[in-house]
Amino acid sequence: MAFFSKTHLIFFAVGVLQDLIITFYYQAVAKDWPLRSATLSIVVTLVNIFVLYAIISDVEQQVASVIVAYALGNGLGTYLVVKGHRQKWLKKG
């Protein structure tokens, strides 16, 4: 079985999406936006639970590599938000 199976790509994409949402959640909390913070918190919690359930129930043979793919997606999501935020900040200055 290839390392980059459909399952790995799905978990990678979910990792990117989840980390984008989490980073925006942290920004909303830091800026004192209660409704946006609460909404993003709900979404983050739901995604976390569904990902955990999927890892536990569906991918038992390839769990380590799926977790790595998911973590790489999380890292890319953080990078994209921070890089985008930094570029927006540099344009203002």
Protein backbone atom coordinates (compact mmCIF):
# COMPACT_ATOMS: atom_id res chain seq x y z
CA MET A 1 0.00 0.00 0.00
CA ALA A 2 1.35 3.42 -0.96
CA PHE A 3 2.08 5.93 1.77
CA PHE A 4 -0.10 8.59 0.14
CA SER A 5 -3.40 6.79 -0.07
CA LYS A 6 -6.75 8.52 -0.38
CA THR A 7 -7.13 8.23 3.40
CA HIS A 8 -3.83 10.02 3.99
CA LEU A 9 -4.75 12.84 1.65
CA ILE A 10 -8.14 13.26 3.32
CA PHE A 11 -6.58 13.41 6.79
CA PHE A 12 -3.92 15.84 5.51
CA ALA A 13 -6.61 18.12 4.06
CA VAL A 14 -8.70 17.91 7.23
CA GLY A 15 -5.58 18.75 9.24
CA VAL A 16 -4.98 21.87 7.16
CA LEU A 17 -8.61 22.94 7.44
CA GLN A 18 -8.76 22.23 11.15
CA ASP A 19 -5.63 24.18 11.90
CA LEU A 20 -6.86 27.12 9.85
CA ILE A 21 -10.00 27.13 11.97
CA ILE A 22 -8.07 26.73 15.23
CA THR A 23 -5.72 29.58 14.39
CA PHE A 24 -8.65 31.84 13.51
CA TYR A 25 -10.23 30.75 16.82
CA TYR A 26 -7.12 31.88 18.73
CA GLN A 27 -7.18 35.19 16.88
CA ALA A 28 -10.87 35.68 17.73
CA VAL A 29 -10.20 35.00 21.42
CA ALA A 30 -7.22 37.38 21.43
CA LYS A 31 -9.36 40.13 19.88
CA ASP A 32 -12.25 39.61 22.35
CA TRP A 33 -14.83 38.51 19.78
CA PRO A 34 -17.09 36.29 21.93
CA LEU A 35 -19.59 35.09 19.33
CA ARG A 36 -16.95 34.26 16.73
CA SER A 37 -14.81 32.58 19.43
CA ALA A 38 -17.72 30.46 20.64
CA THR A 39 -18.74 29.43 17.12
CA LEU A 40 -15.20 28.47 16.15
CA SER A 41 -14.80 26.58 19.44
CA ILE A 42 -17.84 24.46 18.58
CA VAL A 43 -16.49 23.73 15.09
CA VAL A 44 -13.01 22.85 16.42
CA THR A 45 -14.50 20.49 19.02
CA LEU A 46 -16.67 18.72 16.45
CA VAL A 47 -13.79 18.30 14.01
CA ASN A 48 -11.52 16.97 16.78
CA ILE A 49 -14.08 14.40 17.86
CA PHE A 50 -14.84 13.25 14.31
CA VAL A 51 -11.12 12.93 13.48
CA LEU A 52 -10.44 10.97 16.65
CA TYR A 53 -13.40 8.69 15.94
CA ALA A 54 -12.25 8.13 12.35
CA ILE A 55 -8.70 7.30 13.43
CA ILE A 56 -9.87 4.88 16.11
CA SER A 57 -12.54 3.13 14.08
CA ASP A 58 -11.49 3.20 10.42
CA VAL A 59 -7.74 3.25 9.89
CA GLU A 60 -6.34 0.72 12.33
CA GLN A 61 -3.78 -0.77 9.87
CA GLN A 62 -2.23 2.59 8.98
CA VAL A 63 -2.87 4.60 12.12
CA ALA A 64 0.70 5.91 12.59
CA SER A 65 1.07 7.19 9.03
CA VAL A 66 -2.43 8.72 9.06
CA ILE A 67 -1.59 10.57 12.28
CA VAL A 68 1.63 11.85 10.66
CA ALA A 69 -0.31 13.02 7.58
CA TYR A 70 -2.84 14.73 9.85
CA ALA A 71 -0.09 16.43 11.87
CA LEU A 72 1.62 17.65 8.69
CA GLY A 73 -1.70 19.12 7.61
CA ASN A 74 -2.02 20.88 10.96
CA GLY A 75 1.44 22.35 10.55
CA LEU A 76 0.67 23.61 7.05
CA GLY A 77 -2.59 25.16 8.27
CA THR A 78 -0.78 27.12 10.97
CA TYR A 79 1.90 28.22 8.51
CA LEU A 80 -0.68 29.48 6.01
CA VAL A 81 -2.59 31.56 8.56
CA VAL A 82 0.50 33.03 10.21
CA LYS A 83 2.16 33.75 6.85
CA GLY A 84 -1.03 35.39 5.55
CA HIS A 85 -1.45 37.42 8.73
CA ARG A 86 2.18 38.51 8.62
CA GLN A 87 1.93 39.63 4.98
CA LYS A 88 -1.23 41.62 5.76
CA TRP A 89 0.55 43.24 8.72
CA LEU A 90 3.62 44.11 6.61
CA LYS A 91 1.42 45.75 3.94
CA LYS A 92 -0.16 48.01 6.58
CA GLY A 93 3.24 49.17 7.89
